[in-house]
Amino acid sequence: MSLDKDTVRKVSKLAHIHMEDAELERMAPQLSGILHWIEQLEQVNTDNVEPLANVVDIALSLREDKVTDGGYTEKILANAPEETQGYFVVPKVVEEKE
């Protein structure tokens, strides 16, 4: 799959990443190369490969599942410039969709 500058511009806009025209020109072949590599990976036959979650077969030790607040709430919130009802107050960073 090959990407052109307009497609990269559209993707960057959807991701809310500002890119200059020179960056768009530079990124188009790089992203095309990544997509080509992914296409090659999709062609690999993995029918006889058993899925695994870990390379080494290790049994994890389990602990009792208890709900706690961690005991550090006051210390953690002491670092907050502003807090309300036990939560950090932060500026809004996600814009509304137009």
PDB file of N, CA and C in Angstrom:
ATOM      1  N   MET A   1       0.848  -1.176   0.000  1.00  0.00           N
ATOM      2  CA  MET A   1       0.000   0.000   0.000  1.00  0.00           C
ATOM      3  C   MET A   1       0.891   1.235   0.000  1.00  0.00           C
ATOM      4  N   SER A   2       0.547   2.176  -0.823  1.00  0.00           N
ATOM      5  CA  SER A   2       1.342   3.393  -0.931  1.00  0.00           C
ATOM      6  C   SER A   2       0.505   4.582  -0.461  1.00  0.00           C
ATOM      7  N   LEU A   3       1.102   5.408   0.359  1.00  0.00           N
ATOM      8  CA  LEU A   3       0.417   6.594   0.870  1.00  0.00           C
ATOM      9  C   LEU A   3       0.941   7.837   0.177  1.00  0.00           C
ATOM     10  N   ASP A   4       0.039   8.752  -0.142  1.00  0.00           N
ATOM     11  CA  ASP A   4       0.468  10.027  -0.700  1.00  0.00           C
ATOM     12  C   ASP A   4       0.396  11.104   0.387  1.00  0.00           C
ATOM     13  N   LYS A   5       0.839  12.288   0.022  1.00  0.00           N
ATOM     14  CA  LYS A   5       0.908  13.391   0.979  1.00  0.00           C
ATOM     15  C   LYS A   5      -0.477  13.736   1.532  1.00  0.00           C
ATOM     16  N   ASP A   6      -1.509  13.681   0.687  1.00  0.00           N
ATOM     17  CA  ASP A   6      -2.860  14.028   1.141  1.00  0.00           C
ATOM     18  C   ASP A   6      -3.387  13.033   2.176  1.00  0.00           C
ATOM     19  N   THR A   7      -3.076  11.751   1.990  1.00  0.00           N
ATOM     20  CA  THR A   7      -3.508  10.740   2.950  1.00  0.00           C
ATOM     21  C   THR A   7      -2.801  10.939   4.286  1.00  0.00           C
ATOM     22  N   VAL A   8      -1.509  11.236   4.235  1.00  0.00           N
ATOM     23  CA  VAL A   8      -0.752  11.488   5.470  1.00  0.00           C
ATOM     24  C   VAL A   8      -1.297  12.734   6.163  1.00  0.00           C
ATOM     25  N   ARG A   9      -1.656  13.749   5.387  1.00  0.00           N
ATOM     26  CA  ARG A   9      -2.233  14.966   5.967  1.00  0.00           C
ATOM     27  C   ARG A   9      -3.541  14.625   6.691  1.00  0.00           C
ATOM     28  N   LYS A  10      -4.384  13.801   6.052  1.00  0.00           N
ATOM     29  CA  LYS A  10      -5.661  13.415   6.655  1.00  0.00           C
ATOM     30  C   LYS A  10      -5.439  12.640   7.954  1.00  0.00           C
ATOM     31  N   VAL A  11      -4.502  11.704   7.939  1.00  0.00           N
ATOM     32  CA  VAL A  11      -4.208  10.912   9.140  1.00  0.00           C
ATOM     33  C   VAL A  11      -3.665  11.807  10.252  1.00  0.00           C
ATOM     34  N   SER A  12      -2.778  12.735   9.898  1.00  0.00           N
ATOM     35  CA  SER A  12      -2.213  13.623  10.923  1.00  0.00           C
ATOM     36  C   SER A  12      -3.294  14.525  11.514  1.00  0.00           C
ATOM     37  N   LYS A  13      -4.233  14.938  10.675  1.00  0.00           N
ATOM     38  CA  LYS A  13      -5.330  15.772  11.177  1.00  0.00           C
ATOM     39  C   LYS A  13      -6.221  14.968  12.121  1.00  0.00           C
ATOM     40  N   LEU A  14      -6.529  13.716  11.757  1.00  0.00           N
ATOM     41  CA  LEU A  14      -7.343  12.858  12.627  1.00  0.00           C
ATOM     42  C   LEU A  14      -6.648  12.595  13.958  1.00  0.00           C
ATOM     43  N   ALA A  15      -5.309  12.531  13.930  1.00  0.00           N
ATOM     44  CA  ALA A  15      -4.535  12.281  15.147  1.00  0.00           C
ATOM     45  C   ALA A  15      -4.219  13.573  15.895  1.00  0.00           C
ATOM     46  N   HIS A  16      -4.693  14.699  15.369  1.00  0.00           N
ATOM     47  CA  HIS A  16      -4.421  16.015  15.963  1.00  0.00           C
ATOM     48  C   HIS A  16      -2.919  16.278  16.065  1.00  0.00           C
ATOM     49  N   ILE A  17      -2.182  15.912  14.999  1.00  0.00           N
ATOM     50  CA  ILE A  17      -0.744  16.162  14.935  1.00  0.00           C
ATOM     51  C   ILE A  17      -0.503  17.142  13.799  1.00  0.00           C
ATOM     52  N   HIS A  18      -0.024  18.327  14.137  1.00  0.00           N
ATOM     53  CA  HIS A  18       0.250  19.328  13.109  1.00  0.00           C
ATOM     54  C   HIS A  18       1.545  18.972  12.383  1.00  0.00           C
ATOM     55  N   MET A  19       1.487  18.960  11.052  1.00  0.00           N
ATOM     56  CA  MET A  19       2.675  18.659  10.254  1.00  0.00           C
ATOM     57  C   MET A  19       2.774  19.664   9.114  1.00  0.00           C
ATOM     58  N   GLU A  20       3.982  20.171   8.912  1.00  0.00           N
ATOM     59  CA  GLU A  20       4.252  21.055   7.782  1.00  0.00           C
ATOM     60  C   GLU A  20       4.312  20.221   6.504  1.00  0.00           C
ATOM     61  N   ASP A  21       4.217  20.892   5.338  1.00  0.00           N
ATOM     62  CA  ASP A  21       4.249  20.183   4.052  1.00  0.00           C
ATOM     63  C   ASP A  21       5.523  19.370   3.876  1.00  0.00           C
ATOM     64  N   ALA A  22       6.652  19.914   4.324  1.00  0.00           N
ATOM     65  CA  ALA A  22       7.921  19.187   4.188  1.00  0.00           C
ATOM     66  C   ALA A  22       7.887  17.894   4.999  1.00  0.00           C
ATOM     67  N   GLU A  23       7.279  17.955   6.185  1.00  0.00           N
ATOM     68  CA  GLU A  23       7.166  16.752   7.016  1.00  0.00           C
ATOM     69  C   GLU A  23       6.239  15.726   6.368  1.00  0.00           C
ATOM     70  N   LEU A  24       5.157  16.206   5.759  1.00  0.00           N
ATOM     71  CA  LEU A  24       4.225  15.306   5.078  1.00  0.00           C
ATOM     72  C   LEU A  24       4.926  14.580   3.939  1.00  0.00           C
ATOM     73  N   GLU A  25       5.728  15.312   3.173  1.00  0.00           N
ATOM     74  CA  GLU A  25       6.474  14.715   2.054  1.00  0.00           C
ATOM     75  C   GLU A  25       7.441  13.653   2.571  1.00  0.00           C
ATOM     76  N   ARG A  26       8.089  13.942   3.693  1.00  0.00           N
ATOM     77  CA  ARG A  26       9.069  13.010   4.250  1.00  0.00           C
ATOM     78  C   ARG A  26       8.399  11.776   4.860  1.00  0.00           C
ATOM     79  N   MET A  27       7.238  11.972   5.476  1.00  0.00           N
ATOM     80  CA  MET A  27       6.565  10.879   6.169  1.00  0.00           C
ATOM     81  C   MET A  27       5.845   9.913   5.230  1.00  0.00           C
ATOM     82  N   ALA A  28       5.383  10.384   4.080  1.00  0.00           N
ATOM     83  CA  ALA A  28       4.616   9.527   3.162  1.00  0.00           C
ATOM     84  C   ALA A  28       5.377   8.258   2.785  1.00  0.00           C
ATOM     85  N   PRO A  29       6.633   8.342   2.303  1.00  0.00           N
ATOM     86  CA  PRO A  29       7.335   7.096   1.961  1.00  0.00           C
ATOM     87  C   PRO A  29       7.675   6.252   3.194  1.00  0.00           C
ATOM     88  N   GLN A  30       7.923   6.899   4.336  1.00  0.00           N
ATOM     89  CA  GLN A  30       8.231   6.137   5.545  1.00  0.00           C
ATOM     90  C   GLN A  30       7.016   5.325   6.002  1.00  0.00           C
ATOM     91  N   LEU A  31       5.849   5.953   6.012  1.00  0.00           N
ATOM     92  CA  LEU A  31       4.635   5.239   6.407  1.00  0.00           C
ATOM     93  C   LEU A  31       4.273   4.164   5.386  1.00  0.00           C
ATOM     94  N   SER A  32       4.514   4.436   4.110  1.00  0.00           N
ATOM     95  CA  SER A  32       4.274   3.425   3.074  1.00  0.00           C
ATOM     96  C   SER A  32       5.160   2.213   3.310  1.00  0.00           C
ATOM     97  N   GLY A  33       6.407   2.455   3.694  1.00  0.00           N
ATOM     98  CA  GLY A  33       7.329   1.362   3.992  1.00  0.00           C
ATOM     99  C   GLY A  33       6.855   0.527   5.173  1.00  0.00           C
ATOM    100  N   ILE A  34       6.337   1.186   6.190  1.00  0.00           N
ATOM    101  CA  ILE A  34       5.822   0.473   7.362  1.00  0.00           C
ATOM    102  C   ILE A  34       4.628  -0.393   6.967  1.00  0.00           C
ATOM    103  N   LEU A  35       3.720   0.167   6.169  1.00  0.00           N
ATOM    104  CA  LEU A  35       2.557  -0.603   5.726  1.00  0.00           C
ATOM    105  C   LEU A  35       2.971  -1.782   4.852  1.00  0.00           C
ATOM    106  N   HIS A  36       3.994  -1.598   4.021  1.00  0.00           N
ATOM    107  CA  HIS A  36       4.504  -2.695   3.189  1.00  0.00           C
ATOM    108  C   HIS A  36       5.056  -3.812   4.084  1.00  0.00           C
ATOM    109  N   TRP A  37       5.770  -3.437   5.116  1.00  0.00           N
ATOM    110  CA  TRP A  37       6.324  -4.419   6.052  1.00  0.00           C
ATOM    111  C   TRP A  37       5.192  -5.191   6.737  1.00  0.00           C
ATOM    112  N   ILE A  38       4.119  -4.494   7.115  1.00  0.00           N
ATOM    113  CA  ILE A  38       2.970  -5.151   7.742  1.00  0.00           C
ATOM    114  C   ILE A  38       2.316  -6.126   6.760  1.00  0.00           C
ATOM    115  N   GLU A  39       2.214  -5.733   5.492  1.00  0.00           N
ATOM    116  CA  GLU A  39       1.665  -6.634   4.474  1.00  0.00           C
ATOM    117  C   GLU A  39       2.508  -7.901   4.363  1.00  0.00           C
ATOM    118  N   GLN A  40       3.825  -7.762   4.466  1.00  0.00           N
ATOM    119  CA  GLN A  40       4.699  -8.934   4.420  1.00  0.00           C
ATOM    120  C   GLN A  40       4.458  -9.830   5.638  1.00  0.00           C
ATOM    121  N   LEU A  41       4.275  -9.240   6.803  1.00  0.00           N
ATOM    122  CA  LEU A  41       4.010 -10.023   8.014  1.00  0.00           C
ATOM    123  C   LEU A  41       2.695 -10.791   7.904  1.00  0.00           C
ATOM    124  N   GLU A  42       1.698 -10.182   7.256  1.00  0.00           N
ATOM    125  CA  GLU A  42       0.406 -10.846   7.098  1.00  0.00           C
ATOM    126  C   GLU A  42       0.512 -12.095   6.227  1.00  0.00           C
ATOM    127  N   GLN A  43       1.537 -12.184   5.387  1.00  0.00           N
ATOM    128  CA  GLN A  43       1.703 -13.322   4.483  1.00  0.00           C
ATOM    129  C   GLN A  43       2.403 -14.504   5.150  1.00  0.00           C
ATOM    130  N   VAL A  44       2.957 -14.309   6.327  1.00  0.00           N
ATOM    131  CA  VAL A  44       3.669 -15.384   7.019  1.00  0.00           C
ATOM    132  C   VAL A  44       2.663 -16.433   7.492  1.00  0.00           C
ATOM    133  N   ASN A  45       2.947 -17.693   7.190  1.00  0.00           N
ATOM    134  CA  ASN A  45       2.072 -18.796   7.584  1.00  0.00           C
ATOM    135  C   ASN A  45       2.334 -19.150   9.054  1.00  0.00           C
ATOM    136  N   THR A  46       1.331 -18.942   9.873  1.00  0.00           N
ATOM    137  CA  THR A  46       1.450 -19.240  11.307  1.00  0.00           C
ATOM    138  C   THR A  46       0.459 -20.321  11.736  1.00  0.00           C
ATOM    139  N   ASP A  47       0.023 -21.144  10.788  1.00  0.00           N
ATOM    140  CA  ASP A  47      -0.980 -22.173  11.093  1.00  0.00           C
ATOM    141  C   ASP A  47      -0.519 -23.143  12.172  1.00  0.00           C
ATOM    142  N   ASN A  48       0.741 -23.556  12.146  1.00  0.00           N
ATOM    143  CA  ASN A  48       1.239 -24.550  13.099  1.00  0.00           C
ATOM    144  C   ASN A  48       1.996 -23.930  14.269  1.00  0.00           C
ATOM    145  N   VAL A  49       1.839 -22.641  14.460  1.00  0.00           N
ATOM    146  CA  VAL A  49       2.532 -21.954  15.555  1.00  0.00           C
ATOM    147  C   VAL A  49       1.540 -21.763  16.699  1.00  0.00           C
ATOM    148  N   GLU A  50       1.910 -22.288  17.854  1.00  0.00           N
ATOM    149  CA  GLU A  50       1.035 -22.172  19.020  1.00  0.00           C
ATOM    150  C   GLU A  50       1.167 -20.773  19.623  1.00  0.00           C
ATOM    151  N   PRO A  51       0.043 -20.090  19.841  1.00  0.00           N
ATOM    152  CA  PRO A  51       0.110 -18.760  20.452  1.00  0.00           C
ATOM    153  C   PRO A  51       0.649 -18.853  21.874  1.00  0.00           C
ATOM    154  N   LEU A  52       1.421 -17.859  22.271  1.00  0.00           N
ATOM    155  CA  LEU A  52       1.920 -17.850  23.635  1.00  0.00           C
ATOM    156  C   LEU A  52       1.901 -16.444  24.199  1.00  0.00           C
ATOM    157  N   ALA A  53       1.741 -16.382  25.494  1.00  0.00           N
ATOM    158  CA  ALA A  53       1.687 -15.096  26.171  1.00  0.00           C
ATOM    159  C   ALA A  53       3.034 -14.711  26.744  1.00  0.00           C
ATOM    160  N   ASN A  54       3.910 -15.706  26.941  1.00  0.00           N
ATOM    161  CA  ASN A  54       5.217 -15.452  27.518  1.00  0.00           C
ATOM    162  C   ASN A  54       6.204 -16.436  26.905  1.00  0.00           C
ATOM    163  N   VAL A  55       7.413 -15.984  26.661  1.00  0.00           N
ATOM    164  CA  VAL A  55       8.425 -16.838  26.053  1.00  0.00           C
ATOM    165  C   VAL A  55       8.850 -17.942  27.011  1.00  0.00           C
ATOM    166  N   VAL A  56       8.902 -17.622  28.294  1.00  0.00           N
ATOM    167  CA  VAL A  56       9.307 -18.581  29.315  1.00  0.00           C
ATOM    168  C   VAL A  56       8.060 -19.033  30.072  1.00  0.00           C
ATOM    169  N   ASP A  57       7.931 -20.327  30.283  1.00  0.00           N
ATOM    170  CA  ASP A  57       6.777 -20.862  30.999  1.00  0.00           C
ATOM    171  C   ASP A  57       6.986 -20.688  32.504  1.00  0.00           C
ATOM    172  N   ILE A  58       6.444 -19.593  33.040  1.00  0.00           N
ATOM    173  CA  ILE A  58       6.606 -19.270  34.456  1.00  0.00           C
ATOM    174  C   ILE A  58       5.224 -19.208  35.102  1.00  0.00           C
ATOM    175  N   ALA A  59       5.082 -19.859  36.231  1.00  0.00           N
ATOM    176  CA  ALA A  59       3.836 -19.767  36.986  1.00  0.00           C
ATOM    177  C   ALA A  59       3.927 -18.552  37.901  1.00  0.00           C
ATOM    178  N   LEU A  60       2.950 -17.691  37.814  1.00  0.00           N
ATOM    179  CA  LEU A  60       2.946 -16.492  38.640  1.00  0.00           C
ATOM    180  C   LEU A  60       2.373 -16.799  40.015  1.00  0.00           C
ATOM    181  N   SER A  61       2.965 -16.185  41.019  1.00  0.00           N
ATOM    182  CA  SER A  61       2.409 -16.349  42.362  1.00  0.00           C
ATOM    183  C   SER A  61       1.225 -15.399  42.499  1.00  0.00           C
ATOM    184  N   LEU A  62       0.168 -15.882  43.099  1.00  0.00           N
ATOM    185  CA  LEU A  62      -1.041 -15.085  43.246  1.00  0.00           C
ATOM    186  C   LEU A  62      -1.161 -14.575  44.670  1.00  0.00           C
ATOM    187  N   ARG A  63      -1.796 -13.443  44.818  1.00  0.00           N
ATOM    188  CA  ARG A  63      -2.056 -12.901  46.139  1.00  0.00           C
ATOM    189  C   ARG A  63      -3.563 -12.734  46.294  1.00  0.00           C
ATOM    190  N   GLU A  64      -3.989 -12.536  47.514  1.00  0.00           N
ATOM    191  CA  GLU A  64      -5.403 -12.334  47.768  1.00  0.00           C
ATOM    192  C   GLU A  64      -5.845 -11.029  47.112  1.00  0.00           C
ATOM    193  N   ASP A  65      -6.982 -11.054  46.476  1.00  0.00           N
ATOM    194  CA  ASP A  65      -7.491  -9.893  45.757  1.00  0.00           C
ATOM    195  C   ASP A  65      -8.316  -9.026  46.701  1.00  0.00           C
ATOM    196  N   LYS A  66      -7.671  -7.980  47.266  1.00  0.00           N
ATOM    197  CA  LYS A  66      -8.337  -7.080  48.196  1.00  0.00           C
ATOM    198  C   LYS A  66      -8.343  -5.676  47.612  1.00  0.00           C
ATOM    199  N   VAL A  67      -9.457  -4.993  47.757  1.00  0.00           N
ATOM    200  CA  VAL A  67      -9.575  -3.617  47.298  1.00  0.00           C
ATOM    201  C   VAL A  67      -9.082  -2.698  48.403  1.00  0.00           C
ATOM    202  N   THR A  68      -8.092  -1.848  48.086  1.00  0.00           N
ATOM    203  CA  THR A  68      -7.587  -0.859  49.042  1.00  0.00           C
ATOM    204  C   THR A  68      -7.367   0.452  48.306  1.00  0.00           C
ATOM    205  N   ASP A  69      -7.178   1.507  49.066  1.00  0.00           N
ATOM    206  CA  ASP A  69      -6.869   2.793  48.443  1.00  0.00           C
ATOM    207  C   ASP A  69      -5.365   2.991  48.304  1.00  0.00           C
ATOM    208  N   GLY A  70      -4.583   2.027  48.714  1.00  0.00           N
ATOM    209  CA  GLY A  70      -3.133   2.111  48.603  1.00  0.00           C
ATOM    210  C   GLY A  70      -2.479   2.750  49.810  1.00  0.00           C
ATOM    211  N   GLY A  71      -3.228   3.544  50.566  1.00  0.00           N
ATOM    212  CA  GLY A  71      -2.685   4.151  51.765  1.00  0.00           C
ATOM    213  C   GLY A  71      -1.814   5.376  51.525  1.00  0.00           C
ATOM    214  N   TYR A  72      -1.753   5.854  50.296  1.00  0.00           N
ATOM    215  CA  TYR A  72      -0.879   6.983  49.981  1.00  0.00           C
ATOM    216  C   TYR A  72      -1.643   8.183  49.434  1.00  0.00           C
ATOM    217  N   THR A  73      -2.944   8.200  49.565  1.00  0.00           N
ATOM    218  CA  THR A  73      -3.753   9.251  48.952  1.00  0.00           C
ATOM    219  C   THR A  73      -3.300  10.645  49.370  1.00  0.00           C
ATOM    220  N   GLU A  74      -3.105  10.871  50.647  1.00  0.00           N
ATOM    221  CA  GLU A  74      -2.714  12.201  51.120  1.00  0.00           C
ATOM    222  C   GLU A  74      -1.349  12.606  50.588  1.00  0.00           C
ATOM    223  N   LYS A  75      -0.389  11.670  50.587  1.00  0.00           N
ATOM    224  CA  LYS A  75       0.948  11.981  50.076  1.00  0.00           C
ATOM    225  C   LYS A  75       0.904  12.307  48.586  1.00  0.00           C
ATOM    226  N   ILE A  76       0.131  11.547  47.837  1.00  0.00           N
ATOM    227  CA  ILE A  76       0.045  11.769  46.392  1.00  0.00           C
ATOM    228  C   ILE A  76      -0.626  13.098  46.094  1.00  0.00           C
ATOM    229  N   LEU A  77      -1.743  13.370  46.744  1.00  0.00           N
ATOM    230  CA  LEU A  77      -2.467  14.613  46.488  1.00  0.00           C
ATOM    231  C   LEU A  77      -1.721  15.834  47.003  1.00  0.00           C
ATOM    232  N   ALA A  78      -0.756  15.655  47.896  1.00  0.00           N
ATOM    233  CA  ALA A  78       0.056  16.779  48.371  1.00  0.00           C
ATOM    234  C   ALA A  78       0.872  17.369  47.225  1.00  0.00           C
ATOM    235  N   ASN A  79       1.146  16.584  46.185  1.00  0.00           N
ATOM    236  CA  ASN A  79       1.904  17.062  45.027  1.00  0.00           C
ATOM    237  C   ASN A  79       1.031  17.753  43.992  1.00  0.00           C
ATOM    238  N   ALA A  80      -0.265  17.687  44.145  1.00  0.00           N
ATOM    239  CA  ALA A  80      -1.179  18.246  43.149  1.00  0.00           C
ATOM    240  C   ALA A  80      -1.313  19.749  43.335  1.00  0.00           C
ATOM    241  N   PRO A  81      -1.204  20.516  42.245  1.00  0.00           N
ATOM    242  CA  PRO A  81      -1.445  21.949  42.356  1.00  0.00           C
ATOM    243  C   PRO A  81      -2.893  22.238  42.748  1.00  0.00           C
ATOM    244  N   GLU A  82      -3.810  21.350  42.308  1.00  0.00           N
ATOM    245  CA  GLU A  82      -5.219  21.514  42.650  1.00  0.00           C
ATOM    246  C   GLU A  82      -5.862  20.126  42.719  1.00  0.00           C
ATOM    247  N   GLU A  83      -6.708  19.924  43.721  1.00  0.00           N
ATOM    248  CA  GLU A  83      -7.418  18.643  43.849  1.00  0.00           C
ATOM    249  C   GLU A  83      -8.831  18.910  44.326  1.00  0.00           C
ATOM    250  N   THR A  84      -9.731  18.014  43.932  1.00  0.00           N
ATOM    251  CA  THR A  84     -11.123  18.108  44.343  1.00  0.00           C
ATOM    252  C   THR A  84     -11.630  16.716  44.668  1.00  0.00           C
ATOM    253  N   GLN A  85     -12.159  16.541  45.844  1.00  0.00           N
ATOM    254  CA  GLN A  85     -12.761  15.279  46.289  1.00  0.00           C
ATOM    255  C   GLN A  85     -11.823  14.086  46.094  1.00  0.00           C
ATOM    256  N   GLY A  86     -10.540  14.296  46.353  1.00  0.00           N
ATOM    257  CA  GLY A  86      -9.577  13.211  46.258  1.00  0.00           C
ATOM    258  C   GLY A  86      -9.067  12.932  44.855  1.00  0.00           C
ATOM    259  N   TYR A  87      -9.310  13.836  43.904  1.00  0.00           N
ATOM    260  CA  TYR A  87      -8.852  13.657  42.524  1.00  0.00           C
ATOM    261  C   TYR A  87      -8.026  14.859  42.091  1.00  0.00           C
ATOM    262  N   PHE A  88      -7.065  14.621  41.183  1.00  0.00           N
ATOM    263  CA  PHE A  88      -6.309  15.707  40.584  1.00  0.00           C
ATOM    264  C   PHE A  88      -7.230  16.518  39.684  1.00  0.00           C
ATOM    265  N   VAL A  89      -7.076  17.835  39.685  1.00  0.00           N
ATOM    266  CA  VAL A  89      -7.781  18.699  38.743  1.00  0.00           C
ATOM    267  C   VAL A  89      -6.749  19.136  37.715  1.00  0.00           C
ATOM    268  N   VAL A  90      -7.037  18.858  36.444  1.00  0.00           N
ATOM    269  CA  VAL A  90      -6.098  19.182  35.365  1.00  0.00           C
ATOM    270  C   VAL A  90      -6.821  19.988  34.302  1.00  0.00           C
ATOM    271  N   PRO A  91      -6.056  20.755  33.492  1.00  0.00           N
ATOM    272  CA  PRO A  91      -6.704  21.507  32.423  1.00  0.00           C
ATOM    273  C   PRO A  91      -7.247  20.563  31.348  1.00  0.00           C
ATOM    274  N   LYS A  92      -8.306  20.987  30.699  1.00  0.00           N
ATOM    275  CA  LYS A  92      -8.899  20.206  29.620  1.00  0.00           C
ATOM    276  C   LYS A  92      -7.936  20.212  28.431  1.00  0.00           C
ATOM    277  N   VAL A  93      -7.635  19.023  27.902  1.00  0.00           N
ATOM    278  CA  VAL A  93      -6.695  18.935  26.782  1.00  0.00           C
ATOM    279  C   VAL A  93      -7.338  18.372  25.521  1.00  0.00           C
ATOM    280  N   VAL A  94      -8.523  17.827  25.627  1.00  0.00           N
ATOM    281  CA  VAL A  94      -9.215  17.272  24.465  1.00  0.00           C
ATOM    282  C   VAL A  94     -10.225  18.299  23.983  1.00  0.00           C
ATOM    283  N   GLU A  95     -10.142  18.623  22.703  1.00  0.00           N
ATOM    284  CA  GLU A  95     -11.050  19.616  22.152  1.00  0.00           C
ATOM    285  C   GLU A  95     -12.347  18.953  21.710  1.00  0.00           C
ATOM    286  N   GLU A  96     -13.404  19.741  21.711  1.00  0.00           N
ATOM    287  CA  GLU A  96     -14.695  19.260  21.220  1.00  0.00           C
ATOM    288  C   GLU A  96     -14.609  19.101  19.706  1.00  0.00           C
ATOM    289  N   LYS A  97     -15.302  18.107  19.161  1.00  0.00           N
ATOM    290  CA  LYS A  97     -15.339  17.887  17.721  1.00  0.00           C
ATOM    291  C   LYS A  97     -16.232  18.948  17.097  1.00  0.00           C
ATOM    292  N   GLU A  98     -15.751  19.545  16.023  1.00  0.00           N
ATOM    293  CA  GLU A  98     -16.524  20.614  15.373  1.00  0.00           C
ATOM    294  C   GLU A  98     -17.633  20.065  14.527  1.00  0.00           C
TER     295      GLU A  98
END
